[in-house]
Every structure is written in structure tokens, then in C-alpha cells.
Amino acid sequence: MYSQIAEAIKLAVQPVAVIFSDEKPEKAVEFKEKTWGCTLWLMSGAAKGNTAVCSRKTFGCFGGGTGVGFGDQYENFPGGTECFCRFLSSGNKGDEMGEAVAEGMKQFAKPEFIEQFLQGERYIKTPEDVHEFIDDLPLIDIPTEYVIYKPLSEVDPEKEKPVSIVFFSDPDQFAAIGVLVNYSSPGNDNVKFPFAGGCQSLGIHSYAEGDKEHPKAVASLMDLSSRLYLRSAFGENVMAMSVPWKLFQVMEENVDGSFLQCHTWQELSKDK
């Protein structure tokens, strides 16, 4: 499928189609079972032309499993939800159960993860605040076995219906996508920027918007861990935006005649 948006903003990599399916594409990149990985690596690979997939057994990490729509995977985090809440905040050091879990992980987990598990990532102030963070997530258990990440150019809209389209872009292009989102949408707050893992903002937060009469786009990569993981793929200035399929189709129709064909954008993008 051709994208007028990608051409107009001179996107360096392909938009990524997110598709729910019970069939795994042949030769799709996939994590091995029980192997840690970030689902954003799969997305970034799709942006560069490689179809990727994750399943209920190959989603890479517990936050990623939650983020792509396989229910509340924090319950399966080492030590359960309580240890996760301490991990994301002040750490498990000093907690009897948490320290026992850390000791048990030493035989298979990397030392840096053990250190983070004990000291905490410190992204949220207290474990109680993390519980509230989880309660606020639009958790969903999707009805299929797989989530597919596919270069948009390889999508046949007559046979496949994406859930959303993800754009990886530089800051100027990110701003242009945001302006286009608001171009014909009601109100002036049609892009949400939730505090969440990158996989969650590009996943479940976007899925939830897709069910609404007037869906919003979801901005991503406030997540510092995601930014670090993606640096090798995109460099230092990457942003991301997920657009629910219904909204994406409207935006595609709005390119012609919009600001993307006017002087300001032409000047801003002339060196891209």
C-alpha cells in the first residue's frame, strides 16, 4: 500500500502496519520463546522492510506482552506484580521476597537486570504509584494469536485490515504528522502523549483509540528505555506516532491541498 503521507513528509523509513492475525507470515522475524527482547526492535525492523511477529510465547518482555495486547503480563513478572511495582519505582532491595527472587534469577538473568531489579528503574516514585499506573492502562487481551508488524508497502488493504499505522520520524516530521492529525479532526487535542512504555503507547493505547468515534493519534517515545534501545536503529532524534487505521485513512485523503504542499513545510523539509 502506498502512503501519500510518507512521501509528503519525506519519511526515511516505511510506516509500519500493526495487524492482528491467527496466521504467522512466512519468514517473519520473531523472538525465540523465553528470550528477552524489546518489541520496538521488531517494529523498527519492519520500518526498514522486514516483516516481524510476536505471539503469546514470543513477546520478548512482560511489559511488551502487556503493551502489544496479550493481557496483564505483569502478573507473570518475576515475583509477580508486587515485584514489578518495586522494580519500576524504588527497587526490591530490602524486601525479603524481592531479594529472594533476585537471588534465584542470578543463574539466568544478566547482572545489569539484577541490579535494576534490586535498585529500581526509578521511573515512578513509589510502588503504590505504579499500581495506579497499571490500573490506568487500557489493558486488552486481543482475540488473535499473533501481532504482525509489516512494512506498509507490503500491505494489501483488500486482504488485510491494519489496527494502526506507526510512523518513526524525526522531530520535524513528527510535528507535521501531528498537524495533519488535527487538520480535519474536531477540537485541537487530537494527539495524546501518555506516560507509558513505547510498546504500550504504540500498542494498547492506540488500540483503545481505534474503537472511538473520533480516534486520536498516540505520540510515543517518552519512554527513555525505548529511546536507548532504538538509538542504534534510528539515531538520537527519533520520535514515533501511532495512528488508528480509521484516522490514518482520513489523513491520507487530506494530504492533497493541505499545508504539506505549502511554503512553510517545503522550506522545513527541503534538506530531507
C-alpha atoms as a PDB file:
ATOM      1  CA  MET A   1       0.000   0.000   0.000  1.00  0.00           C
ATOM      2  CA  TYR A   2       1.284   3.418  -0.997  1.00  0.00           C
ATOM      3  CA  SER A   3       1.253   6.251   1.567  1.00  0.00           C
ATOM      4  CA  GLN A   4       0.847   9.867   0.492  1.00  0.00           C
ATOM      5  CA  ILE A   5       1.818  10.951   4.000  1.00  0.00           C
ATOM      6  CA  ALA A   6       5.144   9.127   3.913  1.00  0.00           C
ATOM      7  CA  GLU A   7       6.001  10.702   0.555  1.00  0.00           C
ATOM      8  CA  ALA A   8       4.872  14.207   1.526  1.00  0.00           C
ATOM      9  CA  ILE A   9       6.913  14.322   4.735  1.00  0.00           C
ATOM     10  CA  LYS A  10       9.871  12.535   3.080  1.00  0.00           C
ATOM     11  CA  LEU A  11       9.899   9.737   5.630  1.00  0.00           C
ATOM     12  CA  ALA A  12      13.265   7.953   5.675  1.00  0.00           C
ATOM     13  CA  VAL A  13      11.772   4.601   6.700  1.00  0.00           C
ATOM     14  CA  GLN A  14       8.472   2.920   5.987  1.00  0.00           C
ATOM     15  CA  PRO A  15       5.312   3.361   8.042  1.00  0.00           C
ATOM     16  CA  VAL A  16       4.620   0.140   9.951  1.00  0.00           C
ATOM     17  CA  ALA A  17       1.252  -1.597   9.795  1.00  0.00           C
ATOM     18  CA  VAL A  18       0.143  -3.328  13.002  1.00  0.00           C
ATOM     19  CA  ILE A  19      -2.063  -6.311  12.190  1.00  0.00           C
ATOM     20  CA  PHE A  20      -3.816  -8.888  14.389  1.00  0.00           C
ATOM     21  CA  SER A  21      -3.771 -12.389  12.911  1.00  0.00           C
ATOM     22  CA  ASP A  22      -4.038 -16.082  13.713  1.00  0.00           C
ATOM     23  CA  GLU A  23      -1.595 -16.872  10.913  1.00  0.00           C
ATOM     24  CA  LYS A  24       2.143 -16.232  11.108  1.00  0.00           C
ATOM     25  CA  PRO A  25       3.717 -14.865   7.915  1.00  0.00           C
ATOM     26  CA  GLU A  26       6.453 -16.987   6.400  1.00  0.00           C
ATOM     27  CA  LYS A  27       9.993 -15.834   7.163  1.00  0.00           C
ATOM     28  CA  ALA A  28       8.795 -13.270   9.693  1.00  0.00           C
ATOM     29  CA  VAL A  29      11.346 -12.187  12.287  1.00  0.00           C
ATOM     30  CA  GLU A  30      10.369 -13.415  15.755  1.00  0.00           C
ATOM     31  CA  PHE A  31      11.973 -13.685  19.188  1.00  0.00           C
ATOM     32  CA  LYS A  32      12.635 -17.173  20.495  1.00  0.00           C
ATOM     33  CA  GLU A  33      10.482 -18.377  23.370  1.00  0.00           C
ATOM     34  CA  LYS A  34      11.764 -17.325  26.810  1.00  0.00           C
ATOM     35  CA  THR A  35      14.203 -14.892  25.189  1.00  0.00           C
ATOM     36  CA  TRP A  36      14.234 -11.250  26.282  1.00  0.00           C
ATOM     37  CA  GLY A  37      13.745  -8.617  23.603  1.00  0.00           C
ATOM     38  CA  CYS A  38      12.049  -5.272  23.022  1.00  0.00           C
ATOM     39  CA  THR A  39       9.058  -5.330  20.660  1.00  0.00           C
ATOM     40  CA  LEU A  40      10.189  -1.942  19.356  1.00  0.00           C
ATOM     41  CA  TRP A  41      13.125  -3.759  17.767  1.00  0.00           C
ATOM     42  CA  LEU A  42      10.550  -5.725  15.776  1.00  0.00           C
ATOM     43  CA  MET A  43       8.748  -2.516  14.796  1.00  0.00           C
ATOM     44  CA  SER A  44      11.975  -0.789  13.779  1.00  0.00           C
ATOM     45  CA  GLY A  45      12.880  -3.810  11.660  1.00  0.00           C
ATOM     46  CA  ALA A  46       9.530  -3.557   9.898  1.00  0.00           C
ATOM     47  CA  ALA A  47      10.160   0.139   9.241  1.00  0.00           C
ATOM     48  CA  LYS A  48      13.300  -0.973   7.410  1.00  0.00           C
ATOM     49  CA  GLY A  49      11.476  -3.563   5.329  1.00  0.00           C
ATOM     50  CA  ASN A  50      11.302  -6.779   7.371  1.00  0.00           C
ATOM     51  CA  THR A  51       8.022  -8.328   8.459  1.00  0.00           C
ATOM     52  CA  ALA A  52       8.091  -9.277  12.146  1.00  0.00           C
ATOM     53  CA  VAL A  53       5.726 -11.035  14.507  1.00  0.00           C
ATOM     54  CA  CYS A  54       5.223 -11.721  18.191  1.00  0.00           C
ATOM     55  CA  SER A  55       2.959 -14.255  19.851  1.00  0.00           C
ATOM     56  CA  ARG A  56       1.785 -15.056  23.349  1.00  0.00           C
ATOM     57  CA  LYS A  57       5.029 -17.012  23.785  1.00  0.00           C
ATOM     58  CA  THR A  58       7.439 -14.682  21.973  1.00  0.00           C
ATOM     59  CA  PHE A  59       6.675 -11.123  23.051  1.00  0.00           C
ATOM     60  CA  GLY A  60      10.138 -10.535  24.484  1.00  0.00           C
ATOM     61  CA  CYS A  61       9.395  -8.943  27.858  1.00  0.00           C
ATOM     62  CA  PHE A  62       6.464  -8.677  30.264  1.00  0.00           C
ATOM     63  CA  GLY A  63       5.878  -5.002  29.591  1.00  0.00           C
ATOM     64  CA  GLY A  64       5.976  -5.773  25.885  1.00  0.00           C
ATOM     65  CA  GLY A  65       3.459  -8.579  26.219  1.00  0.00           C
ATOM     66  CA  THR A  66       1.165  -6.173  28.027  1.00  0.00           C
ATOM     67  CA  GLY A  67       1.856  -3.413  25.504  1.00  0.00           C
ATOM     68  CA  VAL A  68       1.055  -5.420  22.386  1.00  0.00           C
ATOM     69  CA  GLY A  69      -2.214  -6.688  23.832  1.00  0.00           C
ATOM     70  CA  PHE A  70      -1.688 -10.070  25.467  1.00  0.00           C
ATOM     71  CA  GLY A  71      -3.408  -9.167  28.728  1.00  0.00           C
ATOM     72  CA  ASP A  72      -1.787  -8.200  32.026  1.00  0.00           C
ATOM     73  CA  GLN A  73       1.626  -9.835  31.778  1.00  0.00           C
ATOM     74  CA  TYR A  74       2.894  -8.042  34.887  1.00  0.00           C
ATOM     75  CA  GLU A  75       1.304 -10.866  36.839  1.00  0.00           C
ATOM     76  CA  ASN A  76       3.958 -13.139  35.282  1.00  0.00           C
ATOM     77  CA  PHE A  77       6.914 -10.843  36.035  1.00  0.00           C
ATOM     78  CA  PRO A  78       9.496 -12.452  38.379  1.00  0.00           C
ATOM     79  CA  GLY A  79       7.919 -12.137  41.808  1.00  0.00           C
ATOM     80  CA  GLY A  80       4.585 -11.034  40.307  1.00  0.00           C
ATOM     81  CA  THR A  81       3.002  -7.604  40.158  1.00  0.00           C
ATOM     82  CA  GLU A  82       4.374  -6.552  43.552  1.00  0.00           C
ATOM     83  CA  CYS A  83       7.969  -7.066  42.489  1.00  0.00           C
ATOM     84  CA  PHE A  84       7.293  -5.297  39.204  1.00  0.00           C
ATOM     85  CA  CYS A  85       5.860  -2.286  41.016  1.00  0.00           C
ATOM     86  CA  ARG A  86       9.032  -2.047  43.099  1.00  0.00           C
ATOM     87  CA  PHE A  87      11.203  -2.678  40.008  1.00  0.00           C
ATOM     88  CA  LEU A  88       9.689   0.290  38.122  1.00  0.00           C
ATOM     89  CA  SER A  89       9.994   2.526  41.182  1.00  0.00           C
ATOM     90  CA  SER A  90      12.226   2.277  44.242  1.00  0.00           C
ATOM     91  CA  GLY A  91      13.553  -1.264  43.797  1.00  0.00           C
ATOM     92  CA  ASN A  92      13.303  -4.642  45.503  1.00  0.00           C
ATOM     93  CA  LYS A  93      16.360  -4.285  47.732  1.00  0.00           C
ATOM     94  CA  GLY A  94      15.338  -4.637  51.374  1.00  0.00           C
ATOM     95  CA  ASP A  95      12.202  -6.628  50.545  1.00  0.00           C
ATOM     96  CA  GLU A  96      12.539 -10.250  51.655  1.00  0.00           C
ATOM     97  CA  MET A  97      10.603 -11.730  48.742  1.00  0.00           C
ATOM     98  CA  GLY A  98      12.206  -9.381  46.205  1.00  0.00           C
ATOM     99  CA  GLU A  99      15.727 -10.226  47.298  1.00  0.00           C
ATOM    100  CA  ALA A 100      14.913 -13.950  47.192  1.00  0.00           C
ATOM    101  CA  VAL A 101      13.612 -13.576  43.625  1.00  0.00           C
ATOM    102  CA  ALA A 102      16.760 -11.673  42.636  1.00  0.00           C
ATOM    103  CA  GLU A 103      18.947 -14.408  44.095  1.00  0.00           C
ATOM    104  CA  GLY A 104      17.018 -17.047  42.133  1.00  0.00           C
ATOM    105  CA  MET A 105      17.441 -15.125  38.876  1.00  0.00           C
ATOM    106  CA  LYS A 106      21.230 -14.926  39.092  1.00  0.00           C
ATOM    107  CA  GLN A 107      21.638 -18.223  37.265  1.00  0.00           C
ATOM    108  CA  PHE A 108      19.940 -16.975  34.090  1.00  0.00           C
ATOM    109  CA  ALA A 109      19.435 -13.171  34.177  1.00  0.00           C
ATOM    110  CA  LYS A 110      22.034 -10.587  33.184  1.00  0.00           C
ATOM    111  CA  PRO A 111      23.803  -8.800  36.066  1.00  0.00           C
ATOM    112  CA  GLU A 112      22.522  -5.399  34.887  1.00  0.00           C
ATOM    113  CA  PHE A 113      18.919  -6.619  35.110  1.00  0.00           C
ATOM    114  CA  ILE A 114      19.507  -7.975  38.610  1.00  0.00           C
ATOM    115  CA  GLU A 115      20.924  -4.579  39.578  1.00  0.00           C
ATOM    116  CA  GLN A 116      17.896  -2.766  38.135  1.00  0.00           C
ATOM    117  CA  PHE A 117      15.543  -5.244  39.784  1.00  0.00           C
ATOM    118  CA  LEU A 118      17.072  -4.519  43.177  1.00  0.00           C
ATOM    119  CA  GLN A 119      17.701  -0.780  42.827  1.00  0.00           C
ATOM    120  CA  GLY A 120      14.667   0.063  40.686  1.00  0.00           C
ATOM    121  CA  GLU A 121      14.377   1.898  37.383  1.00  0.00           C
ATOM    122  CA  ARG A 122      13.009   4.928  39.314  1.00  0.00           C
ATOM    123  CA  TYR A 123      10.607   5.908  36.530  1.00  0.00           C
ATOM    124  CA  ILE A 124       7.708   6.232  39.010  1.00  0.00           C
ATOM    125  CA  LYS A 125       8.172   7.421  42.583  1.00  0.00           C
ATOM    126  CA  THR A 126       6.558   4.664  44.664  1.00  0.00           C
ATOM    127  CA  PRO A 127       5.258   1.108  44.193  1.00  0.00           C
ATOM    128  CA  GLU A 128       1.788   2.403  45.061  1.00  0.00           C
ATOM    129  CA  ASP A 129       2.042   4.880  42.195  1.00  0.00           C
ATOM    130  CA  VAL A 130       2.993   2.031  39.853  1.00  0.00           C
ATOM    131  CA  HIS A 131      -0.175   0.165  40.866  1.00  0.00           C
ATOM    132  CA  GLU A 132      -2.144   3.238  39.782  1.00  0.00           C
ATOM    133  CA  PHE A 133      -0.169   3.370  36.538  1.00  0.00           C
ATOM    134  CA  ILE A 134      -1.143  -0.232  35.757  1.00  0.00           C
ATOM    135  CA  ASP A 135      -4.772   0.409  36.700  1.00  0.00           C
ATOM    136  CA  ASP A 136      -4.848   3.285  34.199  1.00  0.00           C
ATOM    137  CA  LEU A 137      -3.508   1.220  31.289  1.00  0.00           C
ATOM    138  CA  PRO A 138      -6.130   0.237  28.667  1.00  0.00           C
ATOM    139  CA  LEU A 139      -5.349  -3.458  29.131  1.00  0.00           C
ATOM    140  CA  ILE A 140      -6.672  -5.764  26.456  1.00  0.00           C
ATOM    141  CA  ASP A 141      -6.383  -9.426  25.572  1.00  0.00           C
ATOM    142  CA  ILE A 142      -6.565  -9.361  21.785  1.00  0.00           C
ATOM    143  CA  PRO A 143      -8.587 -12.091  20.042  1.00  0.00           C
ATOM    144  CA  THR A 144      -5.714 -13.470  17.926  1.00  0.00           C
ATOM    145  CA  GLU A 145      -2.523 -15.427  18.443  1.00  0.00           C
ATOM    146  CA  TYR A 146      -0.173 -13.013  16.699  1.00  0.00           C
ATOM    147  CA  VAL A 147       0.610  -9.331  16.326  1.00  0.00           C
ATOM    148  CA  ILE A 148       2.275  -8.674  12.974  1.00  0.00           C
ATOM    149  CA  TYR A 149       4.489  -5.686  12.147  1.00  0.00           C
ATOM    150  CA  LYS A 150       4.645  -5.186   8.423  1.00  0.00           C
ATOM    151  CA  PRO A 151       6.053  -2.501   6.098  1.00  0.00           C
ATOM    152  CA  LEU A 152       3.023  -0.594   4.851  1.00  0.00           C
ATOM    153  CA  SER A 153       4.138  -1.025   1.242  1.00  0.00           C
ATOM    154  CA  GLU A 154       3.571  -4.769   1.606  1.00  0.00           C
ATOM    155  CA  VAL A 155       0.018  -4.476   2.939  1.00  0.00           C
ATOM    156  CA  ASP A 156      -2.888  -5.327   0.640  1.00  0.00           C
ATOM    157  CA  PRO A 157      -5.855  -3.397   2.130  1.00  0.00           C
ATOM    158  CA  GLU A 158      -8.234  -5.654   0.207  1.00  0.00           C
ATOM    159  CA  LYS A 159      -6.973  -8.646   2.182  1.00  0.00           C
ATOM    160  CA  GLU A 160      -5.587  -7.152   5.397  1.00  0.00           C
ATOM    161  CA  LYS A 161      -7.004  -4.560   7.776  1.00  0.00           C
ATOM    162  CA  PRO A 162      -4.349  -2.997   9.995  1.00  0.00           C
ATOM    163  CA  VAL A 163      -5.249  -1.950  13.510  1.00  0.00           C
ATOM    164  CA  SER A 164      -2.956   1.058  13.300  1.00  0.00           C
ATOM    165  CA  ILE A 165      -0.067   2.611  11.405  1.00  0.00           C
ATOM    166  CA  VAL A 166       3.143   3.585  13.205  1.00  0.00           C
ATOM    167  CA  PHE A 167       5.436   6.330  11.924  1.00  0.00           C
ATOM    168  CA  PHE A 168       9.061   6.579  13.065  1.00  0.00           C
ATOM    169  CA  SER A 169      10.270  10.069  12.215  1.00  0.00           C
ATOM    170  CA  ASP A 170      12.493  12.988  13.052  1.00  0.00           C
ATOM    171  CA  PRO A 171      11.049  15.864  15.155  1.00  0.00           C
ATOM    172  CA  ASP A 172      10.005  17.980  12.132  1.00  0.00           C
ATOM    173  CA  GLN A 173       8.153  15.072  10.544  1.00  0.00           C
ATOM    174  CA  PHE A 174       6.635  14.187  13.926  1.00  0.00           C
ATOM    175  CA  ALA A 175       5.264  17.730  14.157  1.00  0.00           C
ATOM    176  CA  ALA A 176       3.874  17.514  10.617  1.00  0.00           C
ATOM    177  CA  ILE A 177       2.043  14.282  11.403  1.00  0.00           C
ATOM    178  CA  GLY A 178       0.571  15.934  14.488  1.00  0.00           C
ATOM    179  CA  VAL A 179      -0.645  18.919  12.478  1.00  0.00           C
ATOM    180  CA  LEU A 180      -2.185  16.599   9.886  1.00  0.00           C
ATOM    181  CA  VAL A 181      -3.986  14.677  12.648  1.00  0.00           C
ATOM    182  CA  ASN A 182      -5.694  17.912  13.711  1.00  0.00           C
ATOM    183  CA  TYR A 183      -6.275  19.146  10.136  1.00  0.00           C
ATOM    184  CA  SER A 184      -9.893  17.972   9.933  1.00  0.00           C
ATOM    185  CA  SER A 185     -10.498  16.452  13.369  1.00  0.00           C
ATOM    186  CA  PRO A 186     -12.848  18.078  15.898  1.00  0.00           C
ATOM    187  CA  GLY A 187     -11.181  20.128  18.638  1.00  0.00           C
ATOM    188  CA  ASN A 188      -7.472  20.831  18.968  1.00  0.00           C
ATOM    189  CA  ASP A 189      -6.203  17.986  21.165  1.00  0.00           C
ATOM    190  CA  ASN A 190      -6.287  15.054  18.786  1.00  0.00           C
ATOM    191  CA  VAL A 191      -2.833  13.740  19.696  1.00  0.00           C
ATOM    192  CA  LYS A 192      -2.354  12.139  23.116  1.00  0.00           C
ATOM    193  CA  PHE A 193       1.086  11.626  24.636  1.00  0.00           C
ATOM    194  CA  PRO A 194       0.669   9.174  27.520  1.00  0.00           C
ATOM    195  CA  PHE A 195       3.379   8.314  30.003  1.00  0.00           C
ATOM    196  CA  ALA A 196       3.869   4.660  29.103  1.00  0.00           C
ATOM    197  CA  GLY A 197       6.303   2.170  27.692  1.00  0.00           C
ATOM    198  CA  GLY A 198       6.967   2.706  23.988  1.00  0.00           C
ATOM    199  CA  CYS A 199       5.295  -0.591  23.157  1.00  0.00           C
ATOM    200  CA  GLN A 200       2.261   0.442  25.211  1.00  0.00           C
ATOM    201  CA  SER A 201       1.778   3.859  23.625  1.00  0.00           C
ATOM    202  CA  LEU A 202       2.205   2.377  20.140  1.00  0.00           C
ATOM    203  CA  GLY A 203       0.145  -0.664  21.122  1.00  0.00           C
ATOM    204  CA  ILE A 204      -2.702  -0.782  23.612  1.00  0.00           C
ATOM    205  CA  HIS A 205      -3.147   2.990  23.917  1.00  0.00           C
ATOM    206  CA  SER A 206      -3.568   3.199  20.142  1.00  0.00           C
ATOM    207  CA  TYR A 207      -5.852   0.151  20.020  1.00  0.00           C
ATOM    208  CA  ALA A 208      -8.139   1.818  22.558  1.00  0.00           C
ATOM    209  CA  GLU A 209      -8.325   4.967  20.435  1.00  0.00           C
ATOM    210  CA  GLY A 210      -9.255   2.948  17.364  1.00  0.00           C
ATOM    211  CA  ASP A 211     -12.540   1.916  18.973  1.00  0.00           C
ATOM    212  CA  LYS A 212     -13.700   5.535  19.406  1.00  0.00           C
ATOM    213  CA  GLU A 213     -15.898   7.610  17.111  1.00  0.00           C
ATOM    214  CA  HIS A 214     -13.173  10.251  16.860  1.00  0.00           C
ATOM    215  CA  PRO A 215      -9.890   8.406  17.474  1.00  0.00           C
ATOM    216  CA  LYS A 216      -6.756  10.260  18.480  1.00  0.00           C
ATOM    217  CA  ALA A 217      -3.229   9.588  17.344  1.00  0.00           C
ATOM    218  CA  VAL A 218      -0.840   8.480  20.079  1.00  0.00           C
ATOM    219  CA  ALA A 219       2.615  10.016  20.365  1.00  0.00           C
ATOM    220  CA  SER A 220       5.385   7.834  21.720  1.00  0.00           C
ATOM    221  CA  LEU A 221       8.962   7.533  22.925  1.00  0.00           C
ATOM    222  CA  MET A 222       8.737   9.460  26.134  1.00  0.00           C
ATOM    223  CA  ASP A 223       9.989   6.080  27.398  1.00  0.00           C
ATOM    224  CA  LEU A 224      13.728   6.543  27.984  1.00  0.00           C
ATOM    225  CA  SER A 225      14.463   2.818  27.784  1.00  0.00           C
ATOM    226  CA  SER A 226      12.831   2.676  24.355  1.00  0.00           C
ATOM    227  CA  ARG A 227      14.845   5.662  23.209  1.00  0.00           C
ATOM    228  CA  LEU A 228      18.044   3.923  24.273  1.00  0.00           C
ATOM    229  CA  TYR A 229      17.065   0.647  22.570  1.00  0.00           C
ATOM    230  CA  LEU A 230      16.204   2.413  19.309  1.00  0.00           C
ATOM    231  CA  ARG A 231      19.278   4.612  19.127  1.00  0.00           C
ATOM    232  CA  SER A 232      21.219   2.042  17.130  1.00  0.00           C
ATOM    233  CA  ALA A 233      18.336   1.734  14.653  1.00  0.00           C
ATOM    234  CA  PHE A 234      17.389   5.370  14.124  1.00  0.00           C
ATOM    235  CA  GLY A 235      19.943   7.615  15.808  1.00  0.00           C
ATOM    236  CA  GLU A 236      19.262  10.184  18.507  1.00  0.00           C
ATOM    237  CA  ASN A 237      16.354  12.203  17.141  1.00  0.00           C
ATOM    238  CA  VAL A 238      13.677   9.588  16.602  1.00  0.00           C
ATOM    239  CA  MET A 239      10.048  10.142  17.561  1.00  0.00           C
ATOM    240  CA  ALA A 240       7.082   7.873  16.934  1.00  0.00           C
ATOM    241  CA  MET A 241       3.374   8.287  16.317  1.00  0.00           C
ATOM    242  CA  SER A 242       0.691   5.610  16.124  1.00  0.00           C
ATOM    243  CA  VAL A 243      -2.396   6.412  14.071  1.00  0.00           C
ATOM    244  CA  PRO A 244      -5.509   4.212  14.320  1.00  0.00           C
ATOM    245  CA  TRP A 245      -6.456   2.808  10.924  1.00  0.00           C
ATOM    246  CA  LYS A 246      -9.697   4.798  10.567  1.00  0.00           C
ATOM    247  CA  LEU A 247      -7.877   8.063  11.282  1.00  0.00           C
ATOM    248  CA  PHE A 248      -4.973   7.141   9.008  1.00  0.00           C
ATOM    249  CA  GLN A 249      -7.326   6.738   6.056  1.00  0.00           C
ATOM    250  CA  VAL A 250      -8.757  10.223   6.634  1.00  0.00           C
ATOM    251  CA  MET A 251      -5.272  11.701   6.927  1.00  0.00           C
ATOM    252  CA  GLU A 252      -4.208  10.091   3.648  1.00  0.00           C
ATOM    253  CA  GLU A 253      -7.123  11.777   1.885  1.00  0.00           C
ATOM    254  CA  ASN A 254      -6.212  15.117   3.480  1.00  0.00           C
ATOM    255  CA  VAL A 255      -2.644  15.354   2.162  1.00  0.00           C
ATOM    256  CA  ASP A 256      -3.674  16.891  -1.151  1.00  0.00           C
ATOM    257  CA  GLY A 257      -4.442  20.578  -0.605  1.00  0.00           C
ATOM    258  CA  SER A 258      -3.001  20.702   2.908  1.00  0.00           C
ATOM    259  CA  PHE A 259      -0.058  22.568   4.469  1.00  0.00           C
ATOM    260  CA  LEU A 260       2.196  19.747   3.271  1.00  0.00           C
ATOM    261  CA  GLN A 261       2.081  21.392  -0.165  1.00  0.00           C
ATOM    262  CA  CYS A 262       2.727  24.918   1.130  1.00  0.00           C
ATOM    263  CA  HIS A 263       5.805  27.083   1.647  1.00  0.00           C
ATOM    264  CA  THR A 264       6.465  26.548   5.365  1.00  0.00           C
ATOM    265  CA  TRP A 265       6.627  22.770   5.151  1.00  0.00           C
ATOM    266  CA  GLN A 266       8.531  22.881   1.864  1.00  0.00           C
ATOM    267  CA  GLU A 267      11.194  25.071   3.499  1.00  0.00           C
ATOM    268  CA  LEU A 268      11.314  22.990   6.652  1.00  0.00           C
ATOM    269  CA  SER A 269      11.750  19.748   4.720  1.00  0.00           C
ATOM    270  CA  LYS A 270      13.937  20.838   1.784  1.00  0.00           C
ATOM    271  CA  ASP A 271      17.073  19.177   3.162  1.00  0.00           C
ATOM    272  CA  LYS A 272      15.445  15.840   3.991  1.00  0.00           C
END
